N, C-alpha and C. Protein backbone atom coordinates (compact mmCIF):
# COMPACT_ATOMS: atom_id res chain seq x y z
N UNK A 1 -29.54 56.28 4.08
CA UNK A 1 -30.19 55.36 2.88
C UNK A 1 -30.55 54.98 1.36
N UNK A 2 -30.78 54.45 0.96
CA UNK A 2 -30.88 53.77 -0.03
C UNK A 2 -32.14 54.14 -0.96
N UNK A 3 -31.53 53.32 -2.37
CA UNK A 3 -32.86 54.38 -3.53
C UNK A 3 -33.84 53.14 -2.59
N UNK A 4 -33.89 52.26 -2.92
CA UNK A 4 -35.60 51.87 -2.10
C UNK A 4 -36.46 51.92 -1.08
N UNK A 5 -35.68 52.87 0.19
CA UNK A 5 -36.01 53.72 0.85
C UNK A 5 -36.96 55.10 0.15
N UNK A 6 -36.85 55.44 -0.79
CA UNK A 6 -37.25 56.89 -0.89
C UNK A 6 -38.37 56.68 -1.47
N UNK A 7 -39.87 57.14 -0.32
CA UNK A 7 -40.79 57.40 -1.49
C UNK A 7 -40.94 58.53 -2.57
N UNK A 8 -40.83 58.30 -3.25
CA UNK A 8 -40.70 59.21 -4.52
C UNK A 8 -42.15 60.03 -4.56
N UNK A 9 -43.47 59.73 -4.20
CA UNK A 9 -44.08 60.60 -5.16
C UNK A 9 -43.77 62.28 -3.00
N UNK A 10 -42.94 61.67 -2.76
CA UNK A 10 -42.13 63.08 -1.73
C UNK A 10 -41.24 63.18 -1.37
N UNK A 11 -40.40 62.77 -2.55
CA UNK A 11 -39.05 63.96 -2.61
C UNK A 11 -39.19 64.81 -2.56
N UNK A 12 -38.65 65.49 -1.85
CA UNK A 12 -37.53 67.33 -1.07
C UNK A 12 -36.81 67.14 -1.74
N UNK A 13 -35.75 66.63 -1.69
CA UNK A 13 -34.47 66.95 -2.12
C UNK A 13 -33.86 66.68 -2.90
N UNK A 14 -32.88 67.37 -3.16
CA UNK A 14 -32.04 66.28 -4.58
C UNK A 14 -31.17 64.87 -4.17
N UNK A 15 -30.92 64.89 -2.92
CA UNK A 15 -30.51 63.21 -2.90
C UNK A 15 -31.55 62.50 -3.24
N UNK A 16 -33.20 62.55 -2.65
CA UNK A 16 -33.92 61.79 -2.79
C UNK A 16 -34.78 61.87 -4.66
N UNK A 17 -34.02 62.61 -4.91
CA UNK A 17 -35.07 62.77 -7.01
C UNK A 17 -34.04 62.42 -7.28
N UNK A 18 -32.97 61.94 -6.91
CA UNK A 18 -31.65 61.66 -7.85
C UNK A 18 -31.58 60.10 -7.66
N UNK A 19 -32.25 59.73 -6.32
CA UNK A 19 -32.52 57.82 -6.45
C UNK A 19 -33.85 57.64 -7.13
N UNK A 20 -35.10 58.77 -6.76
CA UNK A 20 -36.05 58.24 -7.50
C UNK A 20 -36.14 58.33 -9.73
N UNK A 21 -35.01 59.27 -9.87
CA UNK A 21 -34.44 59.22 -11.24
C UNK A 21 -33.59 57.89 -11.61
N UNK A 22 -32.58 57.66 -10.34
CA UNK A 22 -32.06 55.79 -10.69
C UNK A 22 -33.37 55.17 -10.66
N UNK A 23 -34.63 55.32 -9.47
CA UNK A 23 -35.37 54.24 -9.91
C UNK A 23 -36.44 53.66 -11.08
N UNK A 24 -36.60 55.02 -11.60
CA UNK A 24 -37.62 55.58 -12.79
C UNK A 24 -37.08 54.91 -14.10
N UNK A 25 -35.14 55.19 -13.69
CA UNK A 25 -34.66 54.01 -15.12
C UNK A 25 -34.38 53.08 -15.04
N UNK A 26 -34.15 51.81 -13.69
CA UNK A 26 -34.62 50.95 -13.57
C UNK A 26 -35.62 50.20 -13.67
N UNK A 27 -37.33 50.80 -13.68
CA UNK A 27 -37.73 50.18 -14.09
C UNK A 27 -38.14 49.96 -15.48
N UNK A 28 -37.21 51.15 -16.19
CA UNK A 28 -37.92 51.58 -17.86
C UNK A 28 -36.52 49.96 -18.28
N UNK A 29 -35.59 50.09 -17.53
CA UNK A 29 -35.04 48.85 -17.98
C UNK A 29 -35.21 47.61 -18.31
N UNK A 30 -35.81 47.68 -16.58
CA UNK A 30 -36.50 45.59 -16.56
C UNK A 30 -37.69 45.88 -17.85
N UNK A 31 -38.50 47.28 -18.50
CA UNK A 31 -39.79 46.96 -18.85
C UNK A 31 -39.17 46.35 -20.50
N UNK A 32 -37.68 47.01 -20.84
CA UNK A 32 -36.96 47.00 -21.96
C UNK A 32 -36.93 45.37 -21.67
N UNK A 33 -35.81 44.95 -21.05
CA UNK A 33 -35.25 43.82 -21.06
C UNK A 33 -36.87 42.61 -20.94
N UNK A 34 -37.86 42.23 -19.91
CA UNK A 34 -38.98 41.84 -20.36
C UNK A 34 -39.64 42.20 -21.96
N UNK A 35 -39.39 42.95 -21.97
CA UNK A 35 -39.47 42.98 -23.40
C UNK A 35 -38.83 42.30 -24.75
N UNK A 36 -37.95 42.45 -24.77
CA UNK A 36 -36.98 41.79 -25.42
C UNK A 36 -36.40 40.35 -24.94
N UNK A 37 -36.79 39.97 -24.09
CA UNK A 37 -37.19 38.39 -23.66
C UNK A 37 -37.90 37.96 -24.60
N UNK A 38 -39.54 38.64 -24.11
CA UNK A 38 -41.08 37.84 -25.25
C UNK A 38 -41.04 38.53 -26.71
N UNK A 39 -39.83 38.71 -27.01
CA UNK A 39 -39.46 38.89 -28.53
C UNK A 39 -38.73 37.91 -28.62
N UNK A 40 -37.54 37.35 -27.73
CA UNK A 40 -36.90 36.19 -27.93
C UNK A 40 -37.77 34.89 -28.35
N UNK A 41 -38.56 34.91 -27.03
CA UNK A 41 -39.64 33.51 -26.91
C UNK A 41 -40.24 33.51 -27.29
N UNK A 42 -40.82 34.30 -28.57
CA UNK A 42 -41.92 34.17 -29.44
C UNK A 42 -41.13 34.16 -30.91
N UNK A 43 -39.90 34.45 -31.04
CA UNK A 43 -39.81 34.24 -32.53
C UNK A 43 -38.40 33.51 -32.45
N UNK A 44 -38.54 32.53 -31.59
CA UNK A 44 -37.32 31.72 -31.31
C UNK A 44 -36.90 30.62 -32.44
N UNK A 45 -38.31 30.50 -33.46
CA UNK A 45 -37.59 29.51 -34.82
C UNK A 45 -37.55 30.47 -35.77
N UNK A 46 -37.41 31.74 -35.84
CA UNK A 46 -36.73 32.16 -36.70
C UNK A 46 -34.91 33.17 -35.89
N UNK A 47 -33.98 32.50 -36.38
CA UNK A 47 -32.96 32.42 -36.17
C UNK A 47 -31.72 33.64 -36.95
N UNK A 48 -32.69 34.09 -38.12
CA UNK A 48 -32.24 35.37 -39.09
C UNK A 48 -33.12 36.66 -38.22
N UNK A 49 -33.86 36.51 -37.76
CA UNK A 49 -34.76 37.87 -37.35
C UNK A 49 -34.13 38.01 -35.61
N UNK A 50 -33.54 36.78 -35.12
CA UNK A 50 -33.49 37.15 -33.94
C UNK A 50 -31.76 37.68 -33.77
N UNK A 51 -31.07 37.38 -35.08
CA UNK A 51 -29.84 37.59 -35.27
C UNK A 51 -29.97 38.72 -35.67
N UNK A 52 -30.29 39.48 -36.19
CA UNK A 52 -30.28 40.98 -36.95
C UNK A 52 -31.23 41.94 -35.61
N UNK A 53 -32.14 41.27 -34.77
CA UNK A 53 -32.66 41.92 -33.87
C UNK A 53 -31.26 41.93 -33.03
N UNK A 54 -30.96 41.12 -32.34
CA UNK A 54 -29.33 41.27 -31.20
C UNK A 54 -28.21 41.87 -31.50
N UNK A 55 -28.22 42.53 -33.06
CA UNK A 55 -27.03 43.77 -33.74
C UNK A 55 -27.68 44.68 -33.52
N UNK A 56 -28.76 44.46 -33.96
CA UNK A 56 -29.63 45.96 -33.39
C UNK A 56 -29.50 46.48 -32.35
N UNK A 57 -30.10 45.70 -31.26
CA UNK A 57 -30.28 45.71 -29.58
C UNK A 57 -28.81 46.42 -29.28
N UNK A 58 -27.94 45.47 -29.28
CA UNK A 58 -26.10 46.32 -29.92
C UNK A 58 -25.73 47.62 -29.56
N UNK A 59 -26.23 47.83 -31.32
CA UNK A 59 -26.03 49.08 -31.87
C UNK A 59 -27.11 50.43 -31.40
N UNK A 60 -27.52 49.66 -30.38
CA UNK A 60 -29.28 50.98 -29.63
C UNK A 60 -28.55 50.81 -28.76
N UNK A 61 -27.92 49.40 -27.70
CA UNK A 61 -27.45 50.23 -26.45
C UNK A 61 -25.91 51.29 -26.57
N UNK A 62 -24.82 51.29 -28.23
CA UNK A 62 -24.23 51.87 -28.37
C UNK A 62 -24.55 54.07 -28.70
N UNK A 63 -25.57 53.93 -29.53
CA UNK A 63 -26.04 55.00 -29.20
C UNK A 63 -26.82 55.79 -28.49
N UNK A 64 -28.03 54.43 -27.68
CA UNK A 64 -27.78 55.09 -26.10
C UNK A 64 -26.94 56.17 -25.55
N UNK A 65 -25.47 55.02 -25.21
CA UNK A 65 -24.50 55.54 -24.30
C UNK A 65 -24.17 56.82 -24.98
N UNK A 66 -23.92 56.95 -26.19
CA UNK A 66 -23.41 58.55 -27.24
C UNK A 66 -24.35 58.95 -26.79
N UNK A 67 -25.69 58.72 -27.02
CA UNK A 67 -26.76 60.18 -26.94
C UNK A 67 -26.32 60.72 -25.16
N UNK A 68 -26.61 60.24 -24.32
CA UNK A 68 -25.85 60.43 -23.13
C UNK A 68 -24.81 60.76 -23.46
N UNK A 69 -23.69 60.74 -23.72
CA UNK A 69 -22.37 61.25 -23.85
C UNK A 69 -22.36 62.89 -24.33
N UNK A 70 -23.27 62.64 -25.93
CA UNK A 70 -23.35 63.96 -26.49
C UNK A 70 -24.33 65.20 -25.27
N UNK A 71 -25.48 64.42 -24.71
CA UNK A 71 -25.60 65.37 -23.69
C UNK A 71 -25.40 65.93 -22.55
N UNK A 72 -24.67 65.00 -22.30
CA UNK A 72 -23.47 65.35 -21.04
C UNK A 72 -22.03 64.88 -21.07
N UNK A 73 -21.79 66.18 -21.99
CA UNK A 73 -20.50 65.82 -22.60
C UNK A 73 -19.65 65.91 -21.35
N UNK A 74 -18.49 65.61 -21.31
CA UNK A 74 -17.10 65.32 -20.12
C UNK A 74 -15.67 65.49 -21.19
N UNK A 75 -14.58 66.00 -20.81
CA UNK A 75 -13.49 66.29 -20.98
C UNK A 75 -12.74 65.08 -20.44
N UNK A 76 -11.85 64.80 -20.75
CA UNK A 76 -11.17 63.91 -19.82
C UNK A 76 -10.33 64.37 -18.49
N UNK A 77 -11.15 63.39 -17.48
CA UNK A 77 -10.82 64.34 -15.95
C UNK A 77 -11.49 65.09 -15.26
N UNK A 78 -12.99 65.30 -15.90
CA UNK A 78 -13.69 65.95 -15.57
C UNK A 78 -14.97 65.27 -14.41
N UNK A 79 -15.38 65.65 -13.64
CA UNK A 79 -16.42 64.93 -12.73
C UNK A 79 -18.00 65.33 -13.18
N UNK A 80 -18.54 64.74 -13.76
CA UNK A 80 -20.09 65.37 -13.98
C UNK A 80 -21.10 65.66 -12.78
N UNK A 81 -20.96 65.72 -11.36
CA UNK A 81 -21.00 66.62 -10.55
C UNK A 81 -20.26 68.02 -10.54
N UNK A 82 -19.05 67.79 -11.02
CA UNK A 82 -18.71 69.49 -10.62
C UNK A 82 -19.27 70.10 -11.91
N UNK A 83 -19.28 69.30 -13.02
CA UNK A 83 -19.79 70.39 -14.66
C UNK A 83 -21.39 70.99 -14.58
N UNK A 84 -22.69 69.54 -14.11
CA UNK A 84 -23.14 69.89 -14.24
C UNK A 84 -24.14 69.86 -12.34
N UNK A 85 -23.22 69.86 -11.32
CA UNK A 85 -24.65 70.26 -10.55
C UNK A 85 -25.23 69.20 -9.76
N UNK A 86 -25.28 69.08 -8.47
CA UNK A 86 -25.89 68.75 -7.83
C UNK A 86 -27.30 67.01 -8.11
N UNK A 87 -27.06 68.42 -9.73
CA UNK A 87 -28.72 67.36 -10.65
C UNK A 87 -28.33 67.01 -11.43
N UNK A 88 -27.23 66.64 -11.81
CA UNK A 88 -26.27 65.68 -12.73
C UNK A 88 -27.09 64.11 -12.37
N UNK A 89 -27.60 63.31 -11.77
CA UNK A 89 -27.86 61.89 -11.59
C UNK A 89 -29.31 61.91 -12.13
N UNK A 90 -30.09 62.87 -11.14
CA UNK A 90 -31.53 62.77 -12.01
C UNK A 90 -31.83 63.41 -13.34
N UNK A 91 -31.06 64.46 -13.74
CA UNK A 91 -31.04 64.58 -15.71
C UNK A 91 -30.73 63.58 -16.35
N UNK A 92 -29.19 63.15 -15.90
CA UNK A 92 -28.77 61.47 -16.71
C UNK A 92 -29.63 60.49 -16.53
N UNK A 93 -30.17 60.03 -15.24
CA UNK A 93 -31.33 58.83 -15.39
C UNK A 93 -32.54 59.00 -15.92
N UNK A 94 -32.22 60.03 -16.14
CA UNK A 94 -34.47 60.92 -16.68
C UNK A 94 -33.91 60.60 -18.38
N UNK A 95 -33.06 61.32 -18.83
CA UNK A 95 -32.73 61.18 -20.04
C UNK A 95 -32.09 59.77 -20.32
N UNK A 96 -31.57 58.71 -19.86
CA UNK A 96 -31.49 57.45 -20.13
C UNK A 96 -32.82 56.88 -19.75
N UNK A 97 -33.55 57.29 -18.96
CA UNK A 97 -35.01 55.80 -18.97
C UNK A 97 -36.26 56.55 -20.03
N UNK A 98 -36.07 57.84 -20.49
CA UNK A 98 -36.14 58.39 -21.28
C UNK A 98 -36.41 57.22 -22.93
N UNK A 99 -34.61 57.40 -23.37
CA UNK A 99 -33.89 57.13 -24.44
C UNK A 99 -34.78 55.21 -24.33
N UNK A 100 -34.63 54.48 -23.22
CA UNK A 100 -34.91 53.15 -22.59
C UNK A 100 -36.48 52.73 -23.04
N UNK A 101 -37.17 53.91 -22.96
CA UNK A 101 -38.89 54.07 -22.76
C UNK A 101 -39.29 53.65 -24.39
N UNK A 102 -38.90 55.05 -24.99
CA UNK A 102 -38.80 54.64 -26.22
C UNK A 102 -38.15 53.86 -26.70
N UNK A 103 -36.76 52.63 -26.65
CA UNK A 103 -36.29 51.76 -27.24
C UNK A 103 -37.78 51.01 -26.86
N UNK A 104 -38.07 50.83 -25.51
CA UNK A 104 -39.10 49.81 -25.55
C UNK A 104 -40.53 49.62 -26.13
N UNK A 105 -40.73 50.28 -26.54
CA UNK A 105 -41.93 51.17 -27.45
C UNK A 105 -41.82 50.71 -28.87
N UNK A 106 -40.34 50.71 -29.25
CA UNK A 106 -39.79 49.95 -30.73
C UNK A 106 -39.94 48.32 -30.82
N UNK A 107 -39.47 48.22 -29.46
CA UNK A 107 -39.93 46.36 -28.96
C UNK A 107 -40.61 45.78 -29.40
N UNK A 108 -41.97 47.07 -28.54
CA UNK A 108 -42.95 46.05 -28.22
C UNK A 108 -44.17 45.92 -29.33
N UNK A 109 -43.66 47.07 -30.17
CA UNK A 109 -43.99 47.21 -31.71
C UNK A 109 -43.86 45.92 -32.55
N UNK A 110 -42.27 45.75 -32.47
CA UNK A 110 -41.89 44.81 -33.49
C UNK A 110 -42.44 42.86 -32.35
N UNK A 111 -42.21 42.99 -31.16
CA UNK A 111 -43.47 42.26 -30.64
C UNK A 111 -44.70 42.02 -31.08
N UNK A 112 -45.47 42.48 -31.02
CA UNK A 112 -46.44 42.48 -31.87
C UNK A 112 -46.99 42.48 -32.93
N UNK A 113 -46.30 42.74 -34.03
CA UNK A 113 -46.11 42.84 -35.26
C UNK A 113 -45.39 41.85 -36.32
N UNK A 114 -44.15 41.26 -35.62
CA UNK A 114 -42.73 41.13 -35.72
C UNK A 114 -42.10 41.69 -36.72
N UNK A 115 -41.37 41.28 -37.56
CA UNK A 115 -40.25 41.20 -38.65
C UNK A 115 -41.28 41.62 -39.75
N UNK A 116 -41.34 42.53 -40.09
CA UNK A 116 -41.48 43.16 -41.75
C UNK A 116 -42.23 44.27 -40.64
N UNK A 117 -43.39 44.32 -41.66
CA UNK A 117 -44.30 45.56 -42.55
C UNK A 117 -44.74 45.92 -41.32
C-alpha cells in the first residue's frame, strides 16, 4: 500500500497514520516551494534581496534539520524505530510539517510585503 492509497480521514493503524503524516509533510513542503518560487518571480529584479533570501533559505533548511535532530536525537548506529517505536515516522513528519508551515508563513509575509519592514 502506497501513501497515496491511504484515506487519512479513516486512518486506523500506525502504518496508515505514518503515511498520513508523510502526506501532510509533502503538502506543507509543496506549499513552501510554491511560495518560494512566487517570491523569486515577483522580486526577480531585486538581486540583492534574492541572494539574501537564498542564503536565509539555506540556513533555514540547516536549522530545520538540526531542530529535528534535537527533537529526535540518535547516537551513531541507533535506529529511530528502535529508540522511538513505530510512532517515530508520524512524530518526525508531524514536526517537520509544522516547522515547514512556520517557514511558509514567514515566506508568505515576504511575498506580500517584500523586503524591509
